[in-house]
PDB file of all heavy atoms in Angstrom:
ATOM      1  N   GLY A   1     169.204 135.364 117.057  1.00  0.00           N
ATOM      2  CA  GLY A   1     169.260 136.658 117.728  1.00  0.00           C
ATOM      3  C   GLY A   1     168.097 137.554 117.386  1.00  0.00           C
ATOM      4  O   GLY A   1     167.303 137.276 116.478  1.00  0.00           O
ATOM      5  N   LYS A   2     168.036 138.682 118.077  1.00  0.00           N
ATOM      6  CA  LYS A   2     166.921 139.620 117.941  1.00  0.00           C
ATOM      7  C   LYS A   2     166.820 140.226 116.557  1.00  0.00           C
ATOM      8  O   LYS A   2     165.743 140.459 116.030  1.00  0.00           O
ATOM      9  CB  LYS A   2     167.115 140.722 118.999  1.00  0.00           C
ATOM     10  CG  LYS A   2     165.977 141.713 119.104  1.00  0.00           C
ATOM     11  CD  LYS A   2     166.318 142.762 120.156  1.00  0.00           C
ATOM     12  CE  LYS A   2     165.231 143.808 120.243  1.00  0.00           C
ATOM     13  NZ  LYS A   2     165.563 144.829 121.230  1.00  0.00           N
ATOM     14  N   THR A   3     167.984 140.479 115.911  1.00  0.00           N
ATOM     15  CA  THR A   3     167.970 141.143 114.602  1.00  0.00           C
ATOM     16  C   THR A   3     168.143 140.179 113.447  1.00  0.00           C
ATOM     17  O   THR A   3     168.399 140.594 112.324  1.00  0.00           O
ATOM     18  CB  THR A   3     169.064 142.217 114.550  1.00  0.00           C
ATOM     19  OG1 THR A   3     170.348 141.604 114.783  1.00  0.00           O
ATOM     20  CG2 THR A   3     168.854 143.301 115.607  1.00  0.00           C
ATOM     21  N   ALA A   4     168.027 138.857 113.719  1.00  0.00           N
ATOM     22  CA  ALA A   4     168.131 137.881 112.627  1.00  0.00           C
ATOM     23  C   ALA A   4     166.959 138.031 111.663  1.00  0.00           C
ATOM     24  O   ALA A   4     165.874 138.476 112.046  1.00  0.00           O
ATOM     25  CB  ALA A   4     168.177 136.454 113.196  1.00  0.00           C
ATOM     26  N   LYS A   5     167.188 137.631 110.411  1.00  0.00           N
ATOM     27  CA  LYS A   5     166.128 137.741 109.388  1.00  0.00           C
ATOM     28  C   LYS A   5     165.108 136.611 109.551  1.00  0.00           C
ATOM     29  O   LYS A   5     165.388 135.572 110.121  1.00  0.00           O
ATOM     30  CB  LYS A   5     166.739 137.676 107.981  1.00  0.00           C
ATOM     31  CG  LYS A   5     167.405 138.955 107.550  1.00  0.00           C
ATOM     32  CD  LYS A   5     167.561 139.019 106.035  1.00  0.00           C
ATOM     33  CE  LYS A   5     168.374 137.842 105.507  1.00  0.00           C
ATOM     34  NZ  LYS A   5     168.663 137.984 104.071  1.00  0.00           N
ATOM     35  N   LEU A   6     163.903 136.854 109.001  1.00  0.00           N
ATOM     36  CA  LEU A   6     162.860 135.842 109.015  1.00  0.00           C
ATOM     37  C   LEU A   6     163.125 134.852 107.880  1.00  0.00           C
ATOM     38  O   LEU A   6     162.698 135.042 106.755  1.00  0.00           O
ATOM     39  CB  LEU A   6     161.511 136.519 108.829  1.00  0.00           C
ATOM     40  CG  LEU A   6     160.287 135.600 108.916  1.00  0.00           C
ATOM     41  CD1 LEU A   6     160.097 135.036 110.295  1.00  0.00           C
ATOM     42  CD2 LEU A   6     159.018 136.349 108.499  1.00  0.00           C
ATOM     43  N   ALA A   7     163.915 133.810 108.193  1.00  0.00           N
ATOM     44  CA  ALA A   7     164.261 132.799 107.200  1.00  0.00           C
ATOM     45  C   ALA A   7     164.275 131.426 107.893  1.00  0.00           C
ATOM     46  O   ALA A   7     164.554 131.334 109.091  1.00  0.00           O
ATOM     47  CB  ALA A   7     165.626 133.090 106.574  1.00  0.00           C
ATOM     48  N   VAL A   8     163.985 130.381 107.128  1.00  0.00           N
ATOM     49  CA  VAL A   8     163.888 129.029 107.688  1.00  0.00           C
ATOM     50  C   VAL A   8     165.213 128.643 108.336  1.00  0.00           C
ATOM     51  O   VAL A   8     166.273 128.774 107.726  1.00  0.00           O
ATOM     52  CB  VAL A   8     163.483 128.026 106.590  1.00  0.00           C
ATOM     53  CG1 VAL A   8     163.615 126.592 107.094  1.00  0.00           C
ATOM     54  CG2 VAL A   8     162.059 128.277 106.131  1.00  0.00           C
ATOM     55  N   GLY A   9     165.125 128.186 109.586  1.00  0.00           N
ATOM     56  CA  GLY A   9     166.308 127.755 110.317  1.00  0.00           C
ATOM     57  C   GLY A   9     166.815 128.795 111.294  1.00  0.00           C
ATOM     58  O   GLY A   9     167.610 128.477 112.177  1.00  0.00           O
ATOM     59  N   ASN A  10     166.409 130.063 111.112  1.00  0.00           N
ATOM     60  CA  ASN A  10     166.871 131.113 112.017  1.00  0.00           C
ATOM     61  C   ASN A  10     166.052 131.114 113.310  1.00  0.00           C
ATOM     62  O   ASN A  10     164.864 130.754 113.311  1.00  0.00           O
ATOM     63  CB  ASN A  10     166.764 132.490 111.348  1.00  0.00           C
ATOM     64  CG  ASN A  10     167.782 132.682 110.256  1.00  0.00           C
ATOM     65  OD1 ASN A  10     168.621 131.802 110.020  1.00  0.00           O
ATOM     66  ND2 ASN A  10     167.740 133.802 109.579  1.00  0.00           N
ATOM     67  N   THR A  11     166.694 131.522 114.389  1.00  0.00           N
ATOM     68  CA  THR A  11     166.048 131.552 115.707  1.00  0.00           C
ATOM     69  C   THR A  11     165.969 133.004 116.178  1.00  0.00           C
ATOM     70  O   THR A  11     166.986 133.676 116.213  1.00  0.00           O
ATOM     71  CB  THR A  11     166.860 130.711 116.722  1.00  0.00           C
ATOM     72  OG1 THR A  11     166.953 129.364 116.231  1.00  0.00           O
ATOM     73  CG2 THR A  11     166.201 130.716 118.091  1.00  0.00           C
ATOM     74  N   LEU A  12     164.758 133.434 116.520  1.00  0.00           N
ATOM     75  CA  LEU A  12     164.598 134.799 117.013  1.00  0.00           C
ATOM     76  C   LEU A  12     163.421 134.889 117.974  1.00  0.00           C
ATOM     77  O   LEU A  12     162.594 133.965 118.025  1.00  0.00           O
ATOM     78  CB  LEU A  12     164.465 135.804 115.856  1.00  0.00           C
ATOM     79  CG  LEU A  12     163.482 135.617 114.716  1.00  0.00           C
ATOM     80  CD1 LEU A  12     163.279 136.965 114.010  1.00  0.00           C
ATOM     81  CD2 LEU A  12     163.974 134.614 113.686  1.00  0.00           C
ATOM     82  N   PRO A  13     163.341 135.982 118.765  1.00  0.00           N
ATOM     83  CA  PRO A  13     162.228 136.106 119.705  1.00  0.00           C
ATOM     84  C   PRO A  13     160.888 136.140 118.963  1.00  0.00           C
ATOM     85  O   PRO A  13     160.769 136.784 117.914  1.00  0.00           O
ATOM     86  CB  PRO A  13     162.504 137.445 120.406  1.00  0.00           C
ATOM     87  CG  PRO A  13     163.948 137.707 120.199  1.00  0.00           C
ATOM     88  CD  PRO A  13     164.296 137.095 118.879  1.00  0.00           C
ATOM     89  N   ILE A  14     159.872 135.473 119.516  1.00  0.00           N
ATOM     90  CA  ILE A  14     158.596 135.391 118.812  1.00  0.00           C
ATOM     91  C   ILE A  14     157.909 136.761 118.717  1.00  0.00           C
ATOM     92  O   ILE A  14     157.050 136.963 117.871  1.00  0.00           O
ATOM     93  CB  ILE A  14     157.646 134.342 119.451  1.00  0.00           C
ATOM     94  CG1 ILE A  14     157.426 134.606 120.929  1.00  0.00           C
ATOM     95  CG2 ILE A  14     158.200 132.950 119.224  1.00  0.00           C
ATOM     96  CD1 ILE A  14     156.425 133.665 121.561  1.00  0.00           C
ATOM     97  N   GLY A  15     158.314 137.694 119.563  1.00  0.00           N
ATOM     98  CA  GLY A  15     157.762 139.041 119.485  1.00  0.00           C
ATOM     99  C   GLY A  15     158.180 139.782 118.218  1.00  0.00           C
ATOM    100  O   GLY A  15     157.557 140.758 117.845  1.00  0.00           O
ATOM    101  N   GLN A  16     159.262 139.307 117.547  1.00  0.00           N
ATOM    102  CA  GLN A  16     159.742 139.932 116.309  1.00  0.00           C
ATOM    103  C   GLN A  16     159.071 139.366 115.062  1.00  0.00           C
ATOM    104  O   GLN A  16     159.321 139.843 113.960  1.00  0.00           O
ATOM    105  CB  GLN A  16     161.266 139.713 116.178  1.00  0.00           C
ATOM    106  CG  GLN A  16     162.090 140.192 117.367  1.00  0.00           C
ATOM    107  CD  GLN A  16     162.130 141.692 117.467  1.00  0.00           C
ATOM    108  OE1 GLN A  16     162.175 142.372 116.462  1.00  0.00           O
ATOM    109  NE2 GLN A  16     162.089 142.202 118.695  1.00  0.00           N
ATOM    110  N   LEU A  17     158.243 138.342 115.247  1.00  0.00           N
ATOM    111  CA  LEU A  17     157.664 137.635 114.084  1.00  0.00           C
ATOM    112  C   LEU A  17     156.293 138.174 113.714  1.00  0.00           C
ATOM    113  O   LEU A  17     155.486 138.493 114.600  1.00  0.00           O
ATOM    114  CB  LEU A  17     157.554 136.135 114.395  1.00  0.00           C
ATOM    115  CG  LEU A  17     158.843 135.408 114.723  1.00  0.00           C
ATOM    116  CD1 LEU A  17     158.548 134.028 115.264  1.00  0.00           C
ATOM    117  CD2 LEU A  17     159.748 135.316 113.506  1.00  0.00           C
ATOM    118  N   PRO A  18     156.000 138.295 112.414  1.00  0.00           N
ATOM    119  CA  PRO A  18     154.672 138.742 112.023  1.00  0.00           C
ATOM    120  C   PRO A  18     153.623 137.643 112.245  1.00  0.00           C
ATOM    121  O   PRO A  18     153.960 136.458 112.356  1.00  0.00           O
ATOM    122  CB  PRO A  18     154.829 139.028 110.518  1.00  0.00           C
ATOM    123  CG  PRO A  18     155.967 138.174 110.086  1.00  0.00           C
ATOM    124  CD  PRO A  18     156.888 138.047 111.275  1.00  0.00           C
ATOM    125  N   GLU A  19     152.358 138.041 112.279  1.00  0.00           N
ATOM    126  CA  GLU A  19     151.268 137.083 112.455  1.00  0.00           C
ATOM    127  C   GLU A  19     151.255 136.120 111.269  1.00  0.00           C
ATOM    128  O   GLU A  19     151.468 136.529 110.126  1.00  0.00           O
ATOM    129  CB  GLU A  19     149.942 137.804 112.572  1.00  0.00           C
ATOM    130  CG  GLU A  19     149.787 138.557 113.885  1.00  0.00           C
ATOM    131  CD  GLU A  19     148.444 139.279 113.993  1.00  0.00           C
ATOM    132  OE1 GLU A  19     147.511 138.871 113.278  1.00  0.00           O
ATOM    133  OE2 GLU A  19     148.365 140.228 114.776  1.00  0.00           O
ATOM    134  N   GLY A  20     150.992 134.854 111.556  1.00  0.00           N
ATOM    135  CA  GLY A  20     150.964 133.829 110.495  1.00  0.00           C
ATOM    136  C   GLY A  20     152.278 133.117 110.311  1.00  0.00           C
ATOM    137  O   GLY A  20     152.383 132.178 109.526  1.00  0.00           O
ATOM    138  N   SER A  21     153.324 133.546 111.049  1.00  0.00           N
ATOM    139  CA  SER A  21     154.643 132.889 110.922  1.00  0.00           C
ATOM    140  C   SER A  21     154.572 131.462 111.474  1.00  0.00           C
ATOM    141  O   SER A  21     153.951 131.207 112.512  1.00  0.00           O
ATOM    142  CB  SER A  21     155.705 133.670 111.701  1.00  0.00           C
ATOM    143  OG  SER A  21     155.802 134.971 111.247  1.00  0.00           O
ATOM    144  N   VAL A  22     155.229 130.539 110.779  1.00  0.00           N
ATOM    145  CA  VAL A  22     155.313 129.147 111.189  1.00  0.00           C
ATOM    146  C   VAL A  22     156.631 128.962 111.965  1.00  0.00           C
ATOM    147  O   VAL A  22     157.695 129.268 111.442  1.00  0.00           O
ATOM    148  CB  VAL A  22     155.248 128.217 109.971  1.00  0.00           C
ATOM    149  CG1 VAL A  22     155.613 126.794 110.330  1.00  0.00           C
ATOM    150  CG2 VAL A  22     153.862 128.255 109.353  1.00  0.00           C
ATOM    151  N   ILE A  23     156.513 128.495 113.202  1.00  0.00           N
ATOM    152  CA  ILE A  23     157.707 128.361 114.070  1.00  0.00           C
ATOM    153  C   ILE A  23     157.677 127.008 114.774  1.00  0.00           C
ATOM    154  O   ILE A  23     156.643 126.344 114.857  1.00  0.00           O
ATOM    155  CB  ILE A  23     157.810 129.521 115.112  1.00  0.00           C
ATOM    156  CG1 ILE A  23     156.460 129.700 115.823  1.00  0.00           C
ATOM    157  CG2 ILE A  23     158.270 130.787 114.469  1.00  0.00           C
ATOM    158  CD1 ILE A  23     156.514 130.698 116.972  1.00  0.00           C
ATOM    159  N   SER A  24     158.832 126.628 115.284  1.00  0.00           N
ATOM    160  CA  SER A  24     158.949 125.365 116.016  1.00  0.00           C
ATOM    161  C   SER A  24     159.975 125.530 117.151  1.00  0.00           C
ATOM    162  O   SER A  24     160.674 126.531 117.195  1.00  0.00           O
ATOM    163  CB  SER A  24     159.353 124.227 115.079  1.00  0.00           C
ATOM    164  OG  SER A  24     160.557 124.539 114.434  1.00  0.00           O
ATOM    165  N   ASN A  25     160.073 124.506 117.984  1.00  0.00           N
ATOM    166  CA  ASN A  25     160.998 124.494 119.124  1.00  0.00           C
ATOM    167  C   ASN A  25     160.947 125.829 119.895  1.00  0.00           C
ATOM    168  O   ASN A  25     161.950 126.535 120.015  1.00  0.00           O
ATOM    169  CB  ASN A  25     162.430 124.180 118.641  1.00  0.00           C
ATOM    170  CG  ASN A  25     163.338 123.779 119.809  1.00  0.00           C
ATOM    171  OD1 ASN A  25     162.873 123.457 120.888  1.00  0.00           O
ATOM    172  ND2 ASN A  25     164.623 123.809 119.581  1.00  0.00           N
ATOM    173  N   ILE A  26     159.776 126.147 120.402  1.00  0.00           N
ATOM    174  CA  ILE A  26     159.537 127.447 121.044  1.00  0.00           C
ATOM    175  C   ILE A  26     159.770 127.329 122.536  1.00  0.00           C
ATOM    176  O   ILE A  26     159.478 126.307 123.160  1.00  0.00           O
ATOM    177  CB  ILE A  26     158.096 127.896 120.803  1.00  0.00           C
ATOM    178  CG1 ILE A  26     157.730 127.773 119.326  1.00  0.00           C
ATOM    179  CG2 ILE A  26     157.839 129.327 121.264  1.00  0.00           C
ATOM    180  CD1 ILE A  26     156.272 127.569 119.085  1.00  0.00           C
ATOM    181  N   GLU A  27     160.298 128.378 123.113  1.00  0.00           N
ATOM    182  CA  GLU A  27     160.485 128.436 124.559  1.00  0.00           C
ATOM    183  C   GLU A  27     159.144 128.726 125.236  1.00  0.00           C
ATOM    184  O   GLU A  27     158.379 129.557 124.766  1.00  0.00           O
ATOM    185  CB  GLU A  27     161.479 129.524 124.947  1.00  0.00           C
ATOM    186  CG  GLU A  27     162.895 129.257 124.491  1.00  0.00           C
ATOM    187  CD  GLU A  27     163.854 130.345 124.880  1.00  0.00           C
ATOM    188  OE1 GLU A  27     163.467 131.534 124.882  1.00  0.00           O
ATOM    189  OE2 GLU A  27     165.023 130.024 125.160  1.00  0.00           O
ATOM    190  N   GLU A  28     158.882 128.032 126.334  1.00  0.00           N
ATOM    191  CA  GLU A  28     157.666 128.303 127.110  1.00  0.00           C
ATOM    192  C   GLU A  28     157.925 129.473 128.064  1.00  0.00           C
ATOM    193  O   GLU A  28     157.047 130.277 128.333  1.00  0.00           O
ATOM    194  CB  GLU A  28     157.249 127.057 127.889  1.00  0.00           C
ATOM    195  CG  GLU A  28     155.840 127.100 128.364  1.00  0.00           C
ATOM    196  CD  GLU A  28     155.339 125.750 128.841  1.00  0.00           C
ATOM    197  OE1 GLU A  28     156.096 124.768 128.843  1.00  0.00           O
ATOM    198  OE2 GLU A  28     154.155 125.684 129.232  1.00  0.00           O
ATOM    199  N   LYS A  29     159.149 129.522 128.589  1.00  0.00           N
ATOM    200  CA  LYS A  29     159.599 130.626 129.430  1.00  0.00           C
ATOM    201  C   LYS A  29     160.914 131.138 128.834  1.00  0.00           C
ATOM    202  O   LYS A  29     161.723 130.309 128.397  1.00  0.00           O
ATOM    203  CB  LYS A  29     159.807 130.190 130.875  1.00  0.00           C
ATOM    204  CG  LYS A  29     158.551 129.716 131.568  1.00  0.00           C
ATOM    205  CD  LYS A  29     158.848 129.278 132.984  1.00  0.00           C
ATOM    206  CE  LYS A  29     157.583 128.827 133.696  1.00  0.00           C
ATOM    207  NZ  LYS A  29     157.010 127.595 133.101  1.00  0.00           N
ATOM    208  N   PRO A  30     161.149 132.429 128.824  1.00  0.00           N
ATOM    209  CA  PRO A  30     162.400 132.938 128.210  1.00  0.00           C
ATOM    210  C   PRO A  30     163.619 132.277 128.807  1.00  0.00           C
ATOM    211  O   PRO A  30     163.798 132.263 130.038  1.00  0.00           O
ATOM    212  CB  PRO A  30     162.352 134.443 128.520  1.00  0.00           C
ATOM    213  CG  PRO A  30     160.912 134.743 128.722  1.00  0.00           C
ATOM    214  CD  PRO A  30     160.311 133.534 129.335  1.00  0.00           C
ATOM    215  N   GLY A  31     164.465 131.709 127.944  1.00  0.00           N
ATOM    216  CA  GLY A  31     165.709 131.100 128.414  1.00  0.00           C
ATOM    217  C   GLY A  31     165.642 129.617 128.691  1.00  0.00           C
ATOM    218  O   GLY A  31     166.648 129.010 129.059  1.00  0.00           O
ATOM    219  N   ASP A  32     164.450 128.969 128.499  1.00  0.00           N
ATOM    220  CA  ASP A  32     164.408 127.513 128.765  1.00  0.00           C
ATOM    221  C   ASP A  32     164.922 126.676 127.597  1.00  0.00           C
ATOM    222  O   ASP A  32     164.975 125.453 127.672  1.00  0.00           O
ATOM    223  CB  ASP A  32     163.012 127.078 129.224  1.00  0.00           C
ATOM    224  CG  ASP A  32     161.963 127.038 128.116  1.00  0.00           C
ATOM    225  OD1 ASP A  32     162.327 127.189 126.945  1.00  0.00           O
ATOM    226  OD2 ASP A  32     160.765 126.875 128.438  1.00  0.00           O
ATOM    227  N   ARG A  33     165.281 127.323 126.484  1.00  0.00           N
ATOM    228  CA  ARG A  33     165.958 126.704 125.343  1.00  0.00           C
ATOM    229  C   ARG A  33     165.106 125.772 124.511  1.00  0.00           C
ATOM    230  O   ARG A  33     165.599 124.896 123.824  1.00  0.00           O
ATOM    231  CB  ARG A  33     167.255 126.005 125.800  1.00  0.00           C
ATOM    232  CG  ARG A  33     168.211 126.976 126.492  1.00  0.00           C
ATOM    233  CD  ARG A  33     169.465 126.325 127.000  1.00  0.00           C
ATOM    234  NE  ARG A  33     170.338 125.912 125.930  1.00  0.00           N
ATOM    235  CZ  ARG A  33     171.508 125.275 126.133  1.00  0.00           C
ATOM    236  NH1 ARG A  33     171.919 125.007 127.353  1.00  0.00           N
ATOM    237  NH2 ARG A  33     172.248 124.914 125.101  1.00  0.00           N
ATOM    238  N   GLY A  34     163.794 125.956 124.559  1.00  0.00           N
ATOM    239  CA  GLY A  34     162.892 125.246 123.642  1.00  0.00           C
ATOM    240  C   GLY A  34     162.139 124.100 124.273  1.00  0.00           C
ATOM    241  O   GLY A  34     162.765 123.163 124.773  1.00  0.00           O
ATOM    242  N   SER A  35     160.796 124.183 124.272  1.00  0.00           N
ATOM    243  CA  SER A  35     160.026 123.096 124.856  1.00  0.00           C
ATOM    244  C   SER A  35     158.703 122.814 124.137  1.00  0.00           C
ATOM    245  O   SER A  35     158.052 121.825 124.435  1.00  0.00           O
ATOM    246  CB  SER A  35     159.754 123.380 126.339  1.00  0.00           C
ATOM    247  OG  SER A  35     159.025 124.584 126.473  1.00  0.00           O
ATOM    248  N   LEU A  36     158.300 123.656 123.183  1.00  0.00           N
ATOM    249  CA  LEU A  36     157.003 123.458 122.493  1.00  0.00           C
ATOM    250  C   LEU A  36     157.223 123.210 120.995  1.00  0.00           C
ATOM    251  O   LEU A  36     158.142 123.761 120.408  1.00  0.00           O
ATOM    252  CB  LEU A  36     156.120 124.690 122.666  1.00  0.00           C
ATOM    253  CG  LEU A  36     155.802 125.161 124.096  1.00  0.00           C
ATOM    254  CD1 LEU A  36     155.113 126.512 124.062  1.00  0.00           C
ATOM    255  CD2 LEU A  36     154.959 124.139 124.824  1.00  0.00           C
ATOM    256  N   ALA A  37     156.352 122.373 120.407  1.00  0.00           N
ATOM    257  CA  ALA A  37     156.395 122.069 118.967  1.00  0.00           C
ATOM    258  C   ALA A  37     157.758 121.540 118.528  1.00  0.00           C
ATOM    259  O   ALA A  37     158.478 122.161 117.755  1.00  0.00           O
ATOM    260  CB  ALA A  37     156.000 123.296 118.120  1.00  0.00           C
ATOM    261  N   ARG A  38     158.125 120.382 119.064  1.00  0.00           N
ATOM    262  CA  ARG A  38     159.451 119.810 118.824  1.00  0.00           C
ATOM    263  C   ARG A  38     159.391 118.454 118.099  1.00  0.00           C
ATOM    264  O   ARG A  38     160.441 117.957 117.661  1.00  0.00           O
ATOM    265  CB  ARG A  38     160.178 119.597 120.160  1.00  0.00           C
ATOM    266  CG  ARG A  38     160.616 120.896 120.845  1.00  0.00           C
ATOM    267  CD  ARG A  38     160.924 120.661 122.303  1.00  0.00           C
ATOM    268  NE  ARG A  38     161.913 119.636 122.515  1.00  0.00           N
ATOM    269  CZ  ARG A  38     163.235 119.852 122.657  1.00  0.00           C
ATOM    270  NH1 ARG A  38     163.698 121.085 122.631  1.00  0.00           N
ATOM    271  NH2 ARG A  38     164.063 118.859 122.858  1.00  0.00           N
ATOM    272  N   ALA A  39     158.227 117.844 117.971  1.00  0.00           N
ATOM    273  CA  ALA A  39     158.141 116.525 117.347  1.00  0.00           C
ATOM    274  C   ALA A  39     158.180 116.661 115.822  1.00  0.00           C
ATOM    275  O   ALA A  39     157.895 117.738 115.274  1.00  0.00           O
ATOM    276  CB  ALA A  39     156.860 115.822 117.778  1.00  0.00           C
ATOM    277  N   SER A  40     158.508 115.579 115.136  1.00  0.00           N
ATOM    278  CA  SER A  40     158.682 115.620 113.688  1.00  0.00           C
ATOM    279  C   SER A  40     157.418 116.079 112.998  1.00  0.00           C
ATOM    280  O   SER A  40     156.306 115.608 113.284  1.00  0.00           O
ATOM    281  CB  SER A  40     159.110 114.255 113.164  1.00  0.00           C
ATOM    282  OG  SER A  40     158.157 113.273 113.528  1.00  0.00           O
ATOM    283  N   GLY A  41     157.550 117.065 112.082  1.00  0.00           N
ATOM    284  CA  GLY A  41     156.424 117.580 111.311  1.00  0.00           C
ATOM    285  C   GLY A  41     155.566 118.579 112.063  1.00  0.00           C
ATOM    286  O   GLY A  41     154.608 119.108 111.502  1.00  0.00           O
ATOM    287  N   ASN A  42     155.914 118.887 113.308  1.00  0.00           N
ATOM    288  CA  ASN A  42     155.099 119.804 114.094  1.00  0.00           C
ATOM    289  C   ASN A  42     155.503 121.264 113.876  1.00  0.00           C
ATOM    290  O   ASN A  42     156.641 121.548 113.549  1.00  0.00           O
ATOM    291  CB  ASN A  42     155.199 119.490 115.591  1.00  0.00           C
ATOM    292  CG  ASN A  42     154.168 118.456 116.025  1.00  0.00           C
ATOM    293  OD1 ASN A  42     153.450 117.918 115.190  1.00  0.00           O
ATOM    294  ND2 ASN A  42     154.086 118.201 117.298  1.00  0.00           N
ATOM    295  N   TYR A  43     154.558 122.123 114.097  1.00  0.00           N
ATOM    296  CA  TYR A  43     154.836 123.574 114.044  1.00  0.00           C
ATOM    297  C   TYR A  43     153.758 124.307 114.811  1.00  0.00           C
ATOM    298  O   TYR A  43     152.650 123.811 114.999  1.00  0.00           O
ATOM    299  CB  TYR A  43     154.923 124.097 112.605  1.00  0.00           C
ATOM    300  CG  TYR A  43     153.644 123.958 111.822  1.00  0.00           C
ATOM    301  CD1 TYR A  43     152.710 124.979 111.821  1.00  0.00           C
ATOM    302  CD2 TYR A  43     153.378 122.803 111.078  1.00  0.00           C
ATOM    303  CE1 TYR A  43     151.537 124.865 111.085  1.00  0.00           C
ATOM    304  CE2 TYR A  43     152.216 122.676 110.353  1.00  0.00           C
ATOM    305  CZ  TYR A  43     151.280 123.703 110.378  1.00  0.00           C
ATOM    306  OH  TYR A  43     150.122 123.565 109.668  1.00  0.00           O
ATOM    307  N   ALA A  44     154.063 125.506 115.236  1.00  0.00           N
ATOM    308  CA  ALA A  44     153.095 126.394 115.857  1.00  0.00           C
ATOM    309  C   ALA A  44     152.978 127.627 114.963  1.00  0.00           C
ATOM    310  O   ALA A  44     153.881 127.907 114.171  1.00  0.00           O
ATOM    311  CB  ALA A  44     153.539 126.791 117.255  1.00  0.00           C
TER     312      ALA A  44
END
């Protein structure tokens, strides 16, 4: 959710994240439920 803390495993909008944050399983369009950086060991 929008007010979730910045901790490993939590899911939140990328607009809430500071620069340099490591993220995975990112949505390409809002609501598509994850389409980028999904392979093992990958991150954006």
